[in-house]
Amino acid sequence: MLRFAKLLAKLFVGFLVLSLALVLVYRVVPVPVTATMLFDPNGITKDWEPLSNIDRNLVSAVIAAEDGKFCTHDGFDREAIEEALRRNMEGGLIRGGSTISQQTAKNVFLWQGGGYIRKGFEAWFTFLIEKLWGKRRIMEVYLNVAETGIGTYGAEAGAQRYFNHSANRLSRTEAARMAAALPLPKERSVNNPTGFTRRYGNTIAARIGVVRRDGLDTCIYG
């Protein structure tokens, strides 16, 4: 038992050191690849761009669509988590309530899919990136590793795929359509959205103005 306890202690310390080292490296170095990319049977198309080369419309759109409290929470939106738990207890469609910070932690360091073990690791990495990266870097990484289409990752590759131009000049409509497709990029059309995706995209486009008016992106643009 003593040997087993020592082994567990070494593994725990090793994990802490490795996770801290990775977070510190990715604080300044572009993320080269993620588990999601490696296991994508459709291949990988990506092109890392600094946040300064990504149109503000897309930043505002993902805040409007994914995480309106991005600039004010500490990585976890407790009200959203409680609401998701309540709805899940009632049955039906499982909802997550994840913030952009949590999604970034999952996308960069972990694997897709649910489970309490992964959620525990996700919470740890979310805590680390909030403390060591800050909001601007979290958004930059998120917009470069998020799946934006079949075999397509990041804002730049997505913009080139759908609109044939760089992510540094996305219109509100274009940004909103990309944000609307983010949760299910393999299933939701960006170029010719219909039904829910089209309506949701129009709603996000309208909310971009609210994000600017209410300063919901001030942690990024000051």
Protein backbone atom coordinates (compact mmCIF):
# COMPACT_ATOMS: atom_id res chain seq x y z
CA MET A 1 0.00 0.00 0.00
CA LEU A 2 2.85 2.37 0.82
CA ARG A 3 4.47 1.76 -2.57
CA PHE A 4 1.14 2.30 -4.30
CA ALA A 5 0.62 5.56 -2.39
CA LYS A 6 4.10 6.75 -3.37
CA LEU A 7 3.43 5.88 -7.00
CA LEU A 8 0.18 7.81 -6.95
CA ALA A 9 1.93 10.76 -5.35
CA LYS A 10 4.62 10.74 -8.05
CA LEU A 11 2.02 10.53 -10.80
CA PHE A 12 0.08 13.39 -9.26
CA VAL A 13 3.16 15.61 -8.94
CA GLY A 14 4.23 14.67 -12.47
CA PHE A 15 0.84 15.63 -13.86
CA LEU A 16 0.92 18.99 -12.04
CA VAL A 17 4.39 19.79 -13.37
CA LEU A 18 3.58 18.70 -16.92
CA SER A 19 0.25 20.54 -17.06
CA LEU A 20 1.81 23.72 -15.70
CA ALA A 21 4.68 23.48 -18.19
CA LEU A 22 2.29 23.03 -21.13
CA VAL A 23 0.15 25.98 -20.10
CA LEU A 24 3.22 28.20 -19.74
CA VAL A 25 4.56 27.16 -23.15
CA TYR A 26 1.24 27.77 -24.88
CA ARG A 27 1.01 31.15 -23.22
CA VAL A 28 3.41 32.39 -25.92
CA VAL A 29 3.75 29.58 -28.48
CA PRO A 30 0.99 28.79 -31.01
CA VAL A 31 -0.70 25.47 -30.29
CA PRO A 32 0.70 23.15 -33.00
CA VAL A 33 -1.96 20.43 -32.87
CA THR A 34 -4.70 19.07 -30.61
CA ALA A 35 -6.10 15.61 -29.90
CA THR A 36 -9.26 16.52 -31.81
CA MET A 37 -7.20 17.39 -34.88
CA LEU A 38 -5.07 14.24 -34.66
CA PHE A 39 -8.12 11.98 -34.53
CA ASP A 40 -10.04 13.80 -37.25
CA PRO A 41 -10.44 11.36 -40.17
CA ASN A 42 -10.98 14.33 -42.51
CA GLY A 43 -7.46 15.65 -42.03
CA ILE A 44 -6.40 19.06 -40.78
CA THR A 45 -6.60 22.45 -42.46
CA LYS A 46 -5.50 25.27 -40.17
CA ASP A 47 -3.61 28.56 -40.22
CA TRP A 48 -2.70 30.21 -36.92
CA GLU A 49 -3.29 33.96 -36.78
CA PRO A 50 -2.73 36.38 -33.88
CA LEU A 51 -5.88 37.94 -32.49
CA SER A 52 -4.89 41.25 -34.07
CA ASN A 53 -5.43 39.59 -37.47
CA ILE A 54 -8.92 38.31 -36.62
CA ASP A 55 -11.82 40.68 -37.14
CA ARG A 56 -13.45 42.02 -33.98
CA ASN A 57 -16.80 41.01 -35.41
CA LEU A 58 -15.92 37.35 -34.88
CA VAL A 59 -14.77 37.96 -31.30
CA SER A 60 -18.03 39.76 -30.54
CA ALA A 61 -20.02 37.05 -32.31
CA VAL A 62 -18.57 34.17 -30.29
CA ILE A 63 -19.07 36.10 -27.06
CA ALA A 64 -22.68 36.77 -28.07
CA ALA A 65 -23.25 33.14 -29.03
CA GLU A 66 -21.15 31.17 -26.57
CA ASP A 67 -20.34 33.16 -23.45
CA GLY A 68 -21.81 36.58 -22.71
CA LYS A 69 -20.02 36.70 -19.34
CA PHE A 70 -16.60 35.89 -20.79
CA CYS A 71 -15.00 39.10 -19.57
CA THR A 72 -16.40 38.92 -16.04
CA HIS A 73 -16.29 35.29 -14.94
CA ASP A 74 -13.26 33.40 -13.63
CA GLY A 75 -13.56 30.64 -16.19
CA PHE A 76 -16.80 29.17 -14.87
CA ASP A 77 -20.32 30.51 -15.30
CA ARG A 78 -21.94 29.02 -12.22
CA GLU A 79 -25.45 30.12 -13.15
CA ALA A 80 -25.14 28.44 -16.56
CA ILE A 81 -23.76 25.27 -14.95
CA GLU A 82 -26.63 25.15 -12.46
CA GLU A 83 -29.16 25.71 -15.24
CA ALA A 84 -27.57 22.96 -17.34
CA LEU A 85 -27.67 20.56 -14.40
CA ARG A 86 -31.33 21.38 -13.78
CA ARG A 87 -32.28 20.77 -17.41
CA ASN A 88 -30.25 17.57 -17.56
CA MET A 89 -32.01 16.28 -14.44
CA GLU A 90 -35.32 16.86 -16.21
CA GLY A 91 -34.18 14.65 -19.07
CA GLY A 92 -34.03 15.29 -22.77
CA LEU A 93 -31.12 16.90 -24.60
CA ILE A 94 -27.94 17.02 -22.49
CA ARG A 95 -26.65 20.57 -22.08
CA GLY A 96 -23.15 21.57 -21.01
CA GLY A 97 -23.07 25.20 -19.88
CA SER A 98 -19.36 25.47 -20.73
CA THR A 99 -17.65 28.84 -21.05
CA ILE A 100 -15.21 29.79 -23.79
CA SER A 101 -12.41 29.25 -21.26
CA GLN A 102 -13.62 25.71 -20.55
CA GLN A 103 -13.98 24.94 -24.24
CA THR A 104 -10.46 26.23 -24.86
CA ALA A 105 -9.05 24.08 -22.06
CA LYS A 106 -10.82 21.03 -23.47
CA ASN A 107 -9.86 21.68 -27.08
CA VAL A 108 -6.18 22.30 -26.36
CA PHE A 109 -5.30 19.85 -23.60
CA LEU A 110 -7.97 17.14 -23.57
CA TRP A 111 -10.31 15.07 -25.70
CA GLN A 112 -13.88 15.43 -26.89
CA GLY A 113 -16.75 13.70 -25.16
CA GLY A 114 -18.19 13.88 -21.68
CA GLY A 115 -17.50 12.12 -18.42
CA TYR A 116 -16.67 13.36 -14.95
CA ILE A 117 -12.98 12.50 -15.26
CA ARG A 118 -12.53 14.70 -18.29
CA LYS A 119 -14.60 17.42 -16.66
CA GLY A 120 -12.27 17.32 -13.67
CA PHE A 121 -9.19 17.76 -15.86
CA GLU A 122 -11.03 20.47 -17.79
CA ALA A 123 -11.68 22.42 -14.58
CA TRP A 124 -7.99 22.24 -13.65
CA PHE A 125 -6.78 23.46 -17.03
CA THR A 126 -9.47 26.15 -17.08
CA PHE A 127 -8.20 27.43 -13.74
CA LEU A 128 -4.62 27.47 -15.05
CA ILE A 129 -5.28 29.32 -18.30
CA GLU A 130 -7.44 31.90 -16.54
CA LYS A 131 -4.60 32.59 -14.11
CA LEU A 132 -1.65 32.33 -16.49
CA TRP A 133 -2.97 33.36 -19.91
CA GLY A 134 -5.61 35.98 -19.36
CA LYS A 135 -8.71 36.64 -21.42
CA ARG A 136 -7.07 37.94 -24.59
CA ARG A 137 -4.82 34.91 -24.96
CA ILE A 138 -7.69 32.54 -24.18
CA MET A 139 -9.77 34.10 -26.95
CA GLU A 140 -6.82 34.03 -29.36
CA VAL A 141 -6.21 30.33 -28.76
CA TYR A 142 -9.92 29.50 -28.89
CA LEU A 143 -10.36 31.14 -32.27
CA ASN A 144 -7.33 29.28 -33.64
CA VAL A 145 -8.12 25.74 -32.46
CA ALA A 146 -11.92 25.61 -32.60
CA GLU A 147 -13.32 23.35 -35.30
CA THR A 148 -14.90 25.58 -37.92
CA GLY A 149 -15.80 22.98 -40.52
CA ILE A 150 -15.09 19.47 -41.76
CA GLY A 151 -11.35 19.04 -41.24
CA THR A 152 -11.06 22.81 -40.75
CA TYR A 153 -9.74 24.48 -37.61
CA GLY A 154 -9.48 28.11 -36.61
CA ALA A 155 -10.93 31.40 -37.76
CA GLU A 156 -8.55 31.94 -40.67
CA ALA A 157 -9.03 28.52 -42.24
CA GLY A 158 -12.78 28.85 -41.72
CA ALA A 159 -12.95 32.29 -43.32
CA GLN A 160 -10.93 31.11 -46.32
CA ARG A 161 -13.10 28.00 -46.66
CA TYR A 162 -16.45 29.78 -46.54
CA PHE A 163 -15.81 33.30 -47.80
CA ASN A 164 -12.53 33.11 -49.74
CA HIS A 165 -10.90 35.89 -47.78
CA SER A 166 -9.00 36.40 -44.56
CA ALA A 167 -10.50 36.40 -41.07
CA ASN A 168 -9.24 39.96 -40.63
CA ARG A 169 -12.20 41.38 -42.58
CA LEU A 170 -15.29 39.43 -41.63
CA SER A 171 -18.61 41.21 -41.87
CA ARG A 172 -21.10 40.92 -39.03
CA THR A 173 -23.17 38.48 -41.04
CA GLU A 174 -20.17 36.30 -41.89
CA ALA A 175 -18.92 36.31 -38.31
CA ALA A 176 -22.37 35.50 -36.98
CA ARG A 177 -22.78 32.55 -39.34
CA MET A 178 -19.42 31.12 -38.30
CA ALA A 179 -20.34 31.52 -34.63
CA ALA A 180 -23.74 29.91 -35.20
CA ALA A 181 -22.08 26.83 -36.69
CA LEU A 182 -19.36 26.45 -34.03
CA PRO A 183 -21.20 23.98 -31.76
CA LEU A 184 -21.81 21.58 -34.68
CA PRO A 185 -19.47 22.62 -37.51
CA LYS A 186 -19.82 19.32 -39.36
CA GLU A 187 -23.60 19.61 -39.47
CA ARG A 188 -24.42 23.31 -39.71
CA SER A 189 -23.96 25.11 -43.00
CA VAL A 190 -22.14 28.45 -42.95
CA ASN A 191 -22.40 29.40 -46.63
CA ASN A 192 -26.08 28.59 -47.11
CA PRO A 193 -27.64 28.30 -43.65
CA THR A 194 -31.27 27.31 -43.40
CA GLY A 195 -33.81 26.87 -40.63
CA PHE A 196 -32.44 27.13 -37.11
CA THR A 197 -28.86 27.96 -38.18
CA ARG A 198 -30.03 30.88 -40.32
CA ARG A 199 -32.28 32.25 -37.57
CA TYR A 200 -29.61 31.76 -34.94
CA GLY A 201 -27.04 33.50 -37.13
CA ASN A 202 -29.35 36.50 -37.56
CA THR A 203 -29.84 36.65 -33.79
CA ILE A 204 -26.08 36.58 -33.19
CA ALA A 205 -25.54 39.32 -35.78
CA ALA A 206 -27.99 41.52 -33.87
CA ARG A 207 -26.32 40.68 -30.55
CA ILE A 208 -22.92 41.85 -31.81
CA GLY A 209 -24.17 45.39 -31.34
CA VAL A 210 -25.21 44.57 -27.78
CA VAL A 211 -21.76 43.15 -27.02
CA ARG A 212 -20.16 46.42 -28.18
CA ARG A 213 -22.74 48.66 -26.47
CA ASP A 214 -22.52 46.88 -23.12
CA GLY A 215 -18.75 46.47 -23.22
CA LEU A 216 -18.88 42.69 -23.06
CA ASP A 217 -15.58 42.46 -24.95
CA THR A 218 -13.67 45.13 -22.97
CA CYS A 219 -11.30 42.54 -21.48
CA ILE A 220 -9.95 42.12 -25.01
CA TYR A 221 -10.22 45.56 -26.54
CA GLY A 222 -10.11 47.76 -23.44
